[in-house]
Amino acid sequence: MTEPVRRIIHIDMDAFYASVEQRDAPELRGRPVAVGRSQERGVVAAASYEARKFGVRSAMPSVVAQRKCPELIFVPPRFEVYRAVSAQIHAVFARYTPLIQPLSLDEAYLDVTAPLLPRGSATAIAQEIRAAIHAETGLTASAGISYNKFLAKLASDYRKPNGQFVIPPGAGEAFVATLSVNSFHGIGPATAARMNALGIYTGADLRTQTLDTLVRHFGKAATFYYGIARGQDPRPVEPHRPRKSIGKETTYEKDLSREDALYSALTTLAQSVWHACSRRQRSGRTVTLKLRYVNFQQLTRSHSFTEPVPSAAALEEAAHFLLRPLLPLSRPVRLLGITVSSLASTEEQPVTEQLSLLSHF
């Protein structure tokens, strides 16, 4: 008996944070809005479509955004509100399928191959979901519908904002062929640049490469790239996908140049990350330090231990351990980050392991 063709929907809220702010403050509607801080070291967390017309984008420094759009209105983020709205949206999803894989507060994959409510097609389900979201939250969403996750994600970008697009079975390979590899979910800027250097600019170019060639240049990711060039993606929707890392980073209003200031900042970050680990009853064996200099050059340094990090003190010492080889600083630092990965449960971690990790230093 052959497997049924999967029906996957990718739902992506339109300018989510900014749209929530415009919904709740009518005077912001129709105006260019950025969620974030307007201070010198601020970063845009989200931009309304009115702001995007001026080239304002998320992750853009606030000073650059203000330069591009002098009329830009900054509003501080309200993550507790965004989380509450996201819960409303996910409640809508749950009416149709239990197979929901959240990607963030504002987007998710849904597998509706066997929906909870009888509907004629995934297209009809996507339309109903978008209508329900608008009726219950006042916000709009875009949807992509296809037979795998990669194509559904591509499709949701095709009719934004407040639209949907279908890539039916058999059409995936041709659809991918004309697109730039820069637009492919799962291919970041650095990998796209490496592909461009090899003469790979489009899906059609990628399809001409043998699997052996891709393995030689891209390692384990080669199988994924080989598949998506042909419109193939076997990855299932994972409702309980395990979290891979826990981390936090901070951009500082004033550059950090003194060693004592760096160590103090890492102590604060370590405590914040450990608090997040404790809430989830998770820790990890790998600690990564991220450091961005004032000229935007970025370094990452990692170390893996034999046991999960057992405490805030151990995480702090691990971060200090990773920083020491980078001292003295070649230039001031504008951003620091700490991430814990290779996660495991902390519920049954014995004290002897805690002591052994601390003795590592």
Protein backbone atom coordinates (compact mmCIF):
# COMPACT_ATOMS: atom_id res chain seq x y z
CA MET A 1 0.00 0.00 0.00
CA THR A 2 1.47 3.32 -1.09
CA GLU A 3 1.82 6.22 1.32
CA PRO A 4 -0.65 9.08 0.70
CA VAL A 5 0.82 12.27 -0.70
CA ARG A 6 1.50 14.52 2.25
CA ARG A 7 -0.40 17.79 2.58
CA ILE A 8 1.71 20.38 4.38
CA ILE A 9 0.74 23.97 5.22
CA HIS A 10 3.23 26.61 6.29
CA ILE A 11 1.53 29.51 8.09
CA ASP A 12 3.48 32.74 8.46
CA MET A 13 1.98 35.76 10.22
CA ASP A 14 2.40 39.05 8.35
CA ALA A 15 4.89 41.40 10.07
CA PHE A 16 3.72 39.83 13.32
CA TYR A 17 5.18 42.02 16.08
CA ALA A 18 4.60 45.24 14.14
CA SER A 19 1.08 44.19 13.18
CA VAL A 20 0.20 43.51 16.83
CA GLU A 21 1.40 47.00 17.72
CA GLN A 22 -0.62 48.58 14.90
CA ARG A 23 -3.67 46.58 15.94
CA ASP A 24 -3.43 47.77 19.53
CA ALA A 25 -2.58 51.40 18.71
CA PRO A 26 -4.83 52.66 15.89
CA GLU A 27 -2.69 55.80 15.46
CA LEU A 28 0.12 53.56 14.16
CA ARG A 29 -1.93 52.03 11.36
CA GLY A 30 -0.71 52.92 7.89
CA ARG A 31 2.51 54.36 9.30
CA PRO A 32 6.06 52.98 9.19
CA VAL A 33 6.62 51.14 12.48
CA ALA A 34 9.66 49.35 13.87
CA VAL A 35 9.53 47.20 16.97
CA GLY A 36 12.74 47.81 18.86
CA ARG A 37 14.76 50.55 20.49
CA SER A 38 15.76 53.75 18.71
CA GLN A 39 18.91 54.14 20.78
CA GLU A 40 22.36 54.07 19.18
CA ARG A 41 22.88 50.33 19.75
CA GLY A 42 19.26 49.37 19.13
CA VAL A 43 18.22 46.74 16.60
CA VAL A 44 14.96 46.40 14.67
CA ALA A 45 13.10 43.29 15.86
CA ALA A 46 10.33 43.67 13.27
CA ALA A 47 9.17 46.21 10.70
CA SER A 48 5.71 46.99 9.35
CA TYR A 49 5.11 46.73 5.61
CA GLU A 50 5.00 50.53 5.45
CA ALA A 51 8.54 50.59 6.86
CA ARG A 52 9.74 47.80 4.58
CA LYS A 53 9.00 49.97 1.56
CA PHE A 54 11.91 52.14 2.71
CA GLY A 55 14.24 49.16 3.07
CA VAL A 56 13.82 48.72 6.83
CA ARG A 57 14.31 45.09 7.84
CA SER A 58 14.49 43.02 11.02
CA ALA A 59 17.96 42.72 12.57
CA MET A 60 18.93 46.09 11.04
CA PRO A 61 20.68 48.56 13.39
CA SER A 62 18.18 51.19 14.50
CA VAL A 63 20.37 54.08 13.34
CA VAL A 64 20.46 52.62 9.81
CA ALA A 65 16.68 52.10 9.85
CA GLN A 66 16.10 55.70 10.97
CA ARG A 67 18.38 56.92 8.19
CA LYS A 68 16.45 54.96 5.58
CA CYS A 69 13.08 56.10 6.94
CA PRO A 70 13.20 59.40 8.89
CA GLU A 71 9.47 59.07 9.73
CA LEU A 72 10.00 55.65 11.30
CA ILE A 73 8.18 55.17 14.62
CA PHE A 74 9.90 52.92 17.17
CA VAL A 75 7.82 51.03 19.72
CA PRO A 76 9.34 48.84 22.47
CA PRO A 77 8.69 45.10 22.14
CA ARG A 78 5.97 43.47 24.30
CA PHE A 79 6.87 39.80 24.15
CA GLU A 80 4.28 38.78 26.71
CA VAL A 81 1.59 40.11 24.36
CA TYR A 82 3.13 38.41 21.32
CA ARG A 83 3.26 35.10 23.20
CA ALA A 84 -0.41 35.43 24.19
CA VAL A 85 -1.46 36.13 20.59
CA SER A 86 0.69 33.25 19.38
CA ALA A 87 -1.17 30.94 21.78
CA GLN A 88 -4.47 32.08 20.23
CA ILE A 89 -3.14 31.31 16.76
CA HIS A 90 -1.92 27.86 17.77
CA ALA A 91 -5.32 27.10 19.26
CA VAL A 92 -6.75 27.68 15.77
CA PHE A 93 -4.20 25.28 14.27
CA ALA A 94 -5.12 22.60 16.83
CA ARG A 95 -8.70 22.48 15.56
CA TYR A 96 -7.43 20.99 12.30
CA THR A 97 -4.43 18.80 13.18
CA PRO A 98 -2.32 17.63 16.11
CA LEU A 99 0.73 17.64 13.82
CA ILE A 100 1.98 21.20 14.40
CA GLN A 101 5.66 22.16 14.35
CA PRO A 102 6.21 25.72 15.62
CA LEU A 103 9.21 27.51 14.13
CA SER A 104 8.75 30.69 16.16
CA LEU A 105 5.91 32.70 17.70
CA ASP A 106 4.67 33.69 14.25
CA GLU A 107 5.13 30.67 11.98
CA ALA A 108 4.53 26.93 11.96
CA TYR A 109 4.23 23.85 9.78
CA LEU A 110 0.99 21.86 9.84
CA ASP A 111 0.55 18.35 8.44
CA VAL A 112 -3.09 18.07 7.33
CA THR A 113 -2.78 14.79 5.41
CA ALA A 114 -5.37 13.37 7.82
CA PRO A 115 -7.15 16.46 9.21
CA LEU A 116 -9.37 16.43 12.29
CA LEU A 117 -12.12 18.22 10.37
CA PRO A 118 -13.26 16.84 7.00
CA ARG A 119 -12.30 19.30 4.29
CA GLY A 120 -11.89 18.86 0.56
CA SER A 121 -8.30 20.07 0.36
CA ALA A 122 -5.35 21.56 2.20
CA THR A 123 -6.08 24.78 0.32
CA ALA A 124 -9.53 24.98 1.92
CA ILE A 125 -8.04 24.29 5.35
CA ALA A 126 -5.46 27.06 4.90
CA GLN A 127 -8.19 29.49 3.87
CA GLU A 128 -10.26 28.59 6.95
CA ILE A 129 -7.29 28.94 9.26
CA ARG A 130 -6.35 32.36 7.89
CA ALA A 131 -9.97 33.54 8.17
CA ALA A 132 -10.22 32.29 11.78
CA ILE A 133 -6.95 33.97 12.74
CA HIS A 134 -8.17 37.26 11.33
CA ALA A 135 -11.57 36.98 13.01
CA GLU A 136 -10.12 36.08 16.42
CA THR A 137 -6.96 38.22 16.53
CA GLY A 138 -7.50 40.96 13.94
CA LEU A 139 -4.24 39.93 12.24
CA THR A 140 -3.48 38.54 8.80
CA ALA A 141 -1.47 35.47 7.88
CA SER A 142 0.00 34.08 4.70
CA ALA A 143 0.06 30.39 3.82
CA GLY A 144 1.99 28.05 1.59
CA ILE A 145 0.58 24.65 0.68
CA SER A 146 2.53 21.78 -0.84
CA TYR A 147 3.54 18.15 -0.47
CA ASN A 148 6.63 18.83 1.66
CA LYS A 149 7.96 21.35 4.17
CA PHE A 150 10.55 22.98 1.93
CA LEU A 151 8.06 23.79 -0.82
CA ALA A 152 5.35 24.89 1.63
CA LYS A 153 7.79 27.38 3.16
CA LEU A 154 8.73 28.72 -0.28
CA ALA A 155 5.07 29.00 -1.23
CA SER A 156 4.12 31.06 1.83
CA ASP A 157 6.54 33.79 0.73
CA TYR A 158 4.99 33.90 -2.74
CA ARG A 159 1.75 35.75 -1.93
CA LYS A 160 2.69 37.83 1.14
CA PRO A 161 1.05 39.64 2.76
CA ASN A 162 -2.38 38.11 3.43
CA GLY A 163 -2.35 35.52 0.67
CA GLN A 164 -1.67 31.89 -0.05
CA PHE A 165 -0.05 29.86 -2.80
CA VAL A 166 -0.09 26.18 -3.74
CA ILE A 167 2.72 24.10 -5.27
CA PRO A 168 0.93 20.88 -6.30
CA PRO A 169 2.51 17.43 -6.61
CA GLY A 170 4.69 17.21 -9.70
CA ALA A 171 5.30 20.97 -9.89
CA GLY A 172 8.01 21.29 -7.25
CA GLU A 173 11.09 20.68 -9.40
CA ALA A 174 10.05 23.22 -12.05
CA PHE A 175 9.10 25.79 -9.39
CA VAL A 176 12.47 25.50 -7.66
CA ALA A 177 14.47 25.63 -10.90
CA THR A 178 14.01 29.36 -11.52
CA LEU A 179 14.56 30.53 -7.94
CA SER A 180 17.81 31.88 -6.54
CA VAL A 181 19.51 29.61 -3.99
CA ASN A 182 19.70 32.72 -1.77
CA SER A 183 15.93 32.42 -1.29
CA PHE A 184 16.02 28.77 -0.19
CA HIS A 185 15.15 28.11 3.44
CA GLY A 186 18.07 26.13 4.84
CA ILE A 187 20.72 27.88 2.73
CA GLY A 188 22.20 30.82 4.61
CA PRO A 189 24.19 33.75 3.18
CA ALA A 190 27.59 32.07 3.71
CA THR A 191 26.50 28.82 2.02
CA ALA A 192 24.83 30.75 -0.81
CA ALA A 193 28.09 32.64 -1.38
CA ARG A 194 30.01 29.34 -1.54
CA MET A 195 27.46 28.00 -4.02
CA ASN A 196 27.74 31.15 -6.14
CA ALA A 197 31.52 30.71 -6.20
CA LEU A 198 30.91 27.24 -7.69
CA GLY A 199 28.59 28.69 -10.34
CA ILE A 200 25.40 27.63 -8.52
CA TYR A 201 22.93 30.52 -8.59
CA THR A 202 19.53 28.90 -9.12
CA GLY A 203 17.71 25.69 -8.32
CA ALA A 204 18.43 24.56 -11.89
CA ASP A 205 22.16 25.11 -11.34
CA LEU A 206 22.00 23.15 -8.10
CA ARG A 207 20.25 20.26 -9.86
CA THR A 208 23.19 19.86 -12.27
CA GLN A 209 25.53 18.97 -9.38
CA THR A 210 26.12 15.33 -8.52
CA LEU A 211 25.60 14.18 -4.96
CA ASP A 212 29.33 13.36 -4.71
CA THR A 213 30.23 16.91 -5.72
CA LEU A 214 27.86 18.40 -3.17
CA VAL A 215 29.18 16.11 -0.44
CA ARG A 216 32.73 17.21 -1.24
CA HIS A 217 31.83 20.87 -0.84
CA PHE A 218 29.02 20.83 1.74
CA GLY A 219 29.39 17.66 3.78
CA LYS A 220 26.35 16.28 5.61
CA ALA A 221 24.02 18.97 4.22
CA ALA A 222 24.60 17.75 0.66
CA THR A 223 21.74 15.22 0.71
CA PHE A 224 19.28 17.96 1.69
CA TYR A 225 20.55 20.27 -1.08
CA TYR A 226 20.43 17.46 -3.65
CA GLY A 227 16.80 16.76 -2.71
CA ILE A 228 15.45 20.29 -2.65
CA ALA A 229 16.92 20.99 -6.09
CA ARG A 230 14.49 18.31 -7.26
CA GLY A 231 11.56 19.53 -5.14
CA GLN A 232 12.09 16.70 -2.62
CA ASP A 233 12.11 16.97 1.18
CA PRO A 234 11.29 13.87 3.28
CA ARG A 235 11.42 15.66 6.66
CA PRO A 236 8.24 15.07 8.67
CA VAL A 237 6.36 17.72 10.62
CA GLU A 238 7.65 17.22 14.17
CA PRO A 239 5.12 18.32 16.82
CA HIS A 240 7.50 17.71 19.73
CA ARG A 241 10.77 18.63 18.09
CA PRO A 242 13.42 18.76 20.82
CA ARG A 243 15.06 22.10 21.46
CA LYS A 244 18.67 22.05 20.26
CA SER A 245 20.12 24.95 22.24
CA ILE A 246 19.42 27.62 24.85
CA GLY A 247 21.18 30.96 24.61
CA LYS A 248 21.12 34.71 24.92
CA GLU A 249 23.07 37.58 23.41
CA THR A 250 23.24 41.28 24.18
CA THR A 251 24.29 44.30 22.13
CA TYR A 252 25.72 46.91 24.49
CA GLU A 253 24.97 50.62 24.34
CA LYS A 254 28.65 51.34 24.96
CA ASP A 255 31.47 49.22 23.59
CA LEU A 256 33.20 46.93 26.08
CA SER A 257 36.95 47.43 26.07
CA ARG A 258 38.11 46.59 29.60
CA GLU A 259 38.59 42.98 30.67
CA ASP A 260 36.68 43.45 33.92
CA ALA A 261 33.70 44.81 31.97
CA LEU A 262 33.76 41.76 29.66
CA TYR A 263 33.89 39.31 32.57
CA SER A 264 31.06 41.14 34.34
CA ALA A 265 28.91 41.10 31.19
CA LEU A 266 29.51 37.36 30.75
CA THR A 267 28.51 36.73 34.36
CA THR A 268 25.17 38.46 33.76
CA LEU A 269 24.62 36.54 30.50
CA ALA A 270 25.51 33.22 32.12
CA GLN A 271 22.99 33.79 34.90
CA SER A 272 20.27 34.64 32.37
CA VAL A 273 21.01 31.57 30.23
CA TRP A 274 21.13 29.31 33.29
CA HIS A 275 17.76 30.66 34.42
CA ALA A 276 16.32 29.68 31.01
CA CYS A 277 17.97 26.23 31.31
CA SER A 278 16.56 25.73 34.81
CA ARG A 279 13.02 26.63 33.75
CA ARG A 280 13.19 23.93 31.07
CA GLN A 281 15.06 21.45 33.30
CA ARG A 282 17.68 21.20 30.58
CA SER A 283 21.41 21.73 30.36
CA GLY A 284 24.05 20.85 27.80
CA ARG A 285 27.59 19.63 27.29
CA THR A 286 28.63 22.30 24.78
CA VAL A 287 29.09 25.97 25.64
CA THR A 288 29.56 28.53 22.86
CA LEU A 289 30.79 32.09 23.27
CA LYS A 290 29.84 34.61 20.59
CA LEU A 291 31.72 37.89 20.36
CA ARG A 292 31.18 40.72 17.88
CA TYR A 293 33.72 43.51 17.63
CA VAL A 294 32.91 47.17 17.00
CA ASN A 295 33.81 46.69 13.31
CA PHE A 296 31.17 43.87 13.17
CA GLN A 297 33.79 41.12 12.83
CA GLN A 298 32.37 38.12 14.66
CA LEU A 299 34.04 35.21 16.46
CA THR A 300 32.58 32.09 18.07
CA ARG A 301 34.42 29.75 20.40
CA SER A 302 33.02 26.45 21.74
CA HIS A 303 34.01 23.76 24.18
CA SER A 304 32.34 20.41 24.85
CA PHE A 305 32.47 18.71 28.25
CA THR A 306 31.89 15.09 29.19
CA GLU A 307 28.82 16.01 31.28
CA PRO A 308 26.14 18.73 31.07
CA VAL A 309 26.97 22.08 32.69
CA PRO A 310 25.58 21.72 36.25
CA SER A 311 25.18 25.30 37.50
CA ALA A 312 25.25 29.02 36.77
CA ALA A 313 28.72 29.18 38.33
CA ALA A 314 30.03 26.45 36.04
CA LEU A 315 28.46 28.11 32.98
CA GLU A 316 30.01 31.44 33.98
CA GLU A 317 33.44 29.83 34.39
CA ALA A 318 33.07 28.05 31.03
CA ALA A 319 32.32 31.38 29.33
CA HIS A 320 35.33 32.99 31.03
CA PHE A 321 37.45 30.01 29.95
CA LEU A 322 36.44 30.62 26.30
CA LEU A 323 37.12 34.36 26.55
CA ARG A 324 40.65 34.15 27.97
CA PRO A 325 42.47 33.19 24.73
CA LEU A 326 40.91 36.26 23.03
CA LEU A 327 42.52 38.65 25.51
CA PRO A 328 43.90 41.24 25.33
CA LEU A 329 41.24 42.56 22.96
CA SER A 330 42.31 43.64 19.49
CA ARG A 331 39.42 46.12 19.45
CA PRO A 332 36.31 46.93 21.56
CA VAL A 333 33.33 44.56 21.67
CA ARG A 334 29.74 45.54 20.89
CA LEU A 335 27.98 42.17 21.39
CA LEU A 336 28.41 39.08 23.55
CA GLY A 337 26.41 35.86 23.56
CA ILE A 338 26.41 32.52 25.39
CA THR A 339 24.69 29.37 24.10
CA VAL A 340 24.36 25.93 25.68
CA SER A 341 23.79 23.01 23.29
CA SER A 342 23.92 19.18 23.20
CA LEU A 343 21.04 19.40 25.66
CA ALA A 344 19.97 16.79 28.22
CA SER A 345 17.59 16.62 31.18
CA THR A 346 18.95 17.90 34.50
CA GLU A 347 16.41 16.04 36.66
CA GLU A 348 18.70 13.13 37.52
CA GLN A 349 22.16 14.68 37.23
CA PRO A 350 24.27 13.54 40.21
CA VAL A 351 26.38 15.83 42.37
CA THR A 352 29.57 13.93 41.45
CA GLU A 353 29.13 15.09 37.84
CA GLN A 354 28.69 18.66 38.98
CA LEU A 355 31.97 18.53 40.89
CA SER A 356 33.84 16.88 38.01
CA LEU A 357 32.86 19.64 35.60
CA LEU A 358 34.00 22.39 37.95
CA SER A 359 37.32 20.59 38.46
CA HIS A 360 37.87 20.72 34.66
CA PHE A 361 38.97 24.30 35.07
